[in-house]
C-alpha atoms as a PDB file:
ATOM      1  CA  UNK A   1      18.503   2.466  -7.853  1.00  0.00           C
ATOM      2  CA  UNK A   2      16.766   2.870  -4.505  1.00  0.00           C
ATOM      3  CA  UNK A   3      13.036   2.134  -4.425  1.00  0.00           C
ATOM      4  CA  UNK A   4      11.265   4.566  -2.165  1.00  0.00           C
ATOM      5  CA  UNK A   5       7.831   3.041  -1.726  1.00  0.00           C
ATOM      6  CA  UNK A   6       5.105   0.975  -3.304  1.00  0.00           C
ATOM      7  CA  UNK A   7       1.340   1.166  -3.485  1.00  0.00           C
ATOM      8  CA  UNK A   8      -0.599  -2.084  -3.241  1.00  0.00           C
ATOM      9  CA  UNK A   9      -4.259  -1.777  -4.216  1.00  0.00           C
ATOM     10  CA  UNK A  10      -6.857  -4.026  -2.612  1.00  0.00           C
ATOM     11  CA  UNK A  11     -10.657  -4.094  -2.790  1.00  0.00           C
ATOM     12  CA  UNK A  12     -11.288  -1.989   0.323  1.00  0.00           C
ATOM     13  CA  UNK A  13      -7.977  -0.287   0.987  1.00  0.00           C
ATOM     14  CA  UNK A  14      -4.476   0.435  -0.261  1.00  0.00           C
ATOM     15  CA  UNK A  15      -1.168  -0.178   1.456  1.00  0.00           C
ATOM     16  CA  UNK A  16       1.466   2.506   1.121  1.00  0.00           C
ATOM     17  CA  UNK A  17       4.625   0.449   1.529  1.00  0.00           C
ATOM     18  CA  UNK A  18       8.013   1.791   2.577  1.00  0.00           C
ATOM     19  CA  UNK A  19      10.905  -0.371   1.414  1.00  0.00           C
ATOM     20  CA  UNK A  20      13.160   0.863   4.243  1.00  0.00           C
ATOM     21  CA  UNK A  21      10.303   1.191   6.724  1.00  0.00           C
ATOM     22  CA  UNK A  22      12.173  -0.231   9.699  1.00  0.00           C
ATOM     23  CA  UNK A  23      14.629   2.670   9.432  1.00  0.00           C
ATOM     24  CA  UNK A  24      11.963   5.393   9.617  1.00  0.00           C
ATOM     25  CA  UNK A  25      10.826   7.177  12.774  1.00  0.00           C
ATOM     26  CA  UNK A  26       7.186   6.393  13.467  1.00  0.00           C
ATOM     27  CA  UNK A  27       6.175   8.040  16.754  1.00  0.00           C
ATOM     28  CA  UNK A  28       2.437   7.647  16.069  1.00  0.00           C
ATOM     29  CA  UNK A  29       2.599   3.955  15.123  1.00  0.00           C
ATOM     30  CA  UNK A  30       1.295   4.199  11.567  1.00  0.00           C
ATOM     31  CA  UNK A  31       3.689   1.615  10.139  1.00  0.00           C
ATOM     32  CA  UNK A  32       2.526  -1.997  10.168  1.00  0.00           C
ATOM     33  CA  UNK A  33       4.294  -5.244   9.318  1.00  0.00           C
ATOM     34  CA  UNK A  34       6.895  -7.621  10.674  1.00  0.00           C
ATOM     35  CA  UNK A  35       9.367  -7.959   7.792  1.00  0.00           C
ATOM     36  CA  UNK A  36      13.098  -7.400   8.122  1.00  0.00           C
ATOM     37  CA  UNK A  37      12.929  -4.030   6.263  1.00  0.00           C
ATOM     38  CA  UNK A  38       9.527  -3.294   4.724  1.00  0.00           C
ATOM     39  CA  UNK A  39       6.626  -1.659   6.568  1.00  0.00           C
ATOM     40  CA  UNK A  40       3.320  -0.360   5.241  1.00  0.00           C
ATOM     41  CA  UNK A  41       0.548   2.033   6.172  1.00  0.00           C
ATOM     42  CA  UNK A  42      -2.985   0.827   5.405  1.00  0.00           C
ATOM     43  CA  UNK A  43      -5.145   3.565   3.878  1.00  0.00           C
ATOM     44  CA  UNK A  44      -8.932   3.163   3.846  1.00  0.00           C
ATOM     45  CA  UNK A  45     -10.019   6.738   3.026  1.00  0.00           C
ATOM     46  CA  UNK A  46      -8.525   9.487   0.860  1.00  0.00           C
ATOM     47  CA  UNK A  47      -8.581  11.899   3.803  1.00  0.00           C
ATOM     48  CA  UNK A  48      -5.950   9.758   5.562  1.00  0.00           C
ATOM     49  CA  UNK A  49      -3.422  10.905   2.957  1.00  0.00           C
ATOM     50  CA  UNK A  50      -3.490  14.357   4.600  1.00  0.00           C
ATOM     51  CA  UNK A  51      -2.429  12.973   7.995  1.00  0.00           C
ATOM     52  CA  UNK A  52       0.618  15.023   9.087  1.00  0.00           C
ATOM     53  CA  UNK A  53       2.249  11.861  10.479  1.00  0.00           C
ATOM     54  CA  UNK A  54       1.954  10.165   7.074  1.00  0.00           C
ATOM     55  CA  UNK A  55       3.290  13.248   5.298  1.00  0.00           C
ATOM     56  CA  UNK A  56       6.260  13.202   7.710  1.00  0.00           C
ATOM     57  CA  UNK A  57       6.900   9.501   6.946  1.00  0.00           C
ATOM     58  CA  UNK A  58       6.932  10.156   3.202  1.00  0.00           C
ATOM     59  CA  UNK A  59       9.273  13.148   3.658  1.00  0.00           C
ATOM     60  CA  UNK A  60      11.636  11.106   5.803  1.00  0.00           C
ATOM     61  CA  UNK A  61      11.579   8.253   3.277  1.00  0.00           C
ATOM     62  CA  UNK A  62      12.581  10.709   0.518  1.00  0.00           C
ATOM     63  CA  UNK A  63      15.439  12.063   2.643  1.00  0.00           C
ATOM     64  CA  UNK A  64      16.536   8.518   3.482  1.00  0.00           C
ATOM     65  CA  UNK A  65      16.561   7.612  -0.224  1.00  0.00           C
ATOM     66  CA  UNK A  66      18.677  10.687  -1.020  1.00  0.00           C
ATOM     67  CA  UNK A  67      21.223   9.658   1.603  1.00  0.00           C
ATOM     68  CA  UNK A  68      21.264   6.085   0.270  1.00  0.00           C
ATOM     69  CA  UNK A  69      21.876   7.330  -3.290  1.00  0.00           C
ATOM     70  CA  UNK A  70      24.523   9.859  -2.313  1.00  0.00           C
ATOM     71  CA  UNK A  71      22.191  12.790  -2.914  1.00  0.00           C
ATOM     72  CA  UNK A  72      21.460  11.890  -6.513  1.00  0.00           C
ATOM     73  CA  UNK A  73      18.208  13.280  -7.829  1.00  0.00           C
ATOM     74  CA  UNK A  74      15.416  10.776  -7.607  1.00  0.00           C
ATOM     75  CA  UNK A  75      14.029   9.491 -10.874  1.00  0.00           C
ATOM     76  CA  UNK A  76      10.386   8.583 -10.969  1.00  0.00           C
ATOM     77  CA  UNK A  77       9.842   5.118 -12.296  1.00  0.00           C
ATOM     78  CA  UNK A  78       6.865   2.885 -12.074  1.00  0.00           C
ATOM     79  CA  UNK A  79       6.064  -0.751 -12.443  1.00  0.00           C
ATOM     80  CA  UNK A  80       2.498  -1.915 -12.633  1.00  0.00           C
ATOM     81  CA  UNK A  81       1.822  -5.515 -11.751  1.00  0.00           C
ATOM     82  CA  UNK A  82      -1.682  -6.954 -11.890  1.00  0.00           C
ATOM     83  CA  UNK A  83      -2.622 -10.130 -10.118  1.00  0.00           C
ATOM     84  CA  UNK A  84      -6.026 -11.623 -10.781  1.00  0.00           C
END
């Protein structure tokens, strides 16, 4: 299974994380982080989800996942982890 992304929820923002973020094109510099693979985009307002650059990142991440899985259809799965 190839995980596409994750959503980390914080008090004042969310991070939309891309598990293969270092392999994505990011001409506008939305991706943050210094890990070997993972990058994230901090989101502080719902309107930011309509950003064409973010939409392009998500689309590219889906295409990347399809290549990694040999074109298999993606199955939606979720894992909810709560840390207090």
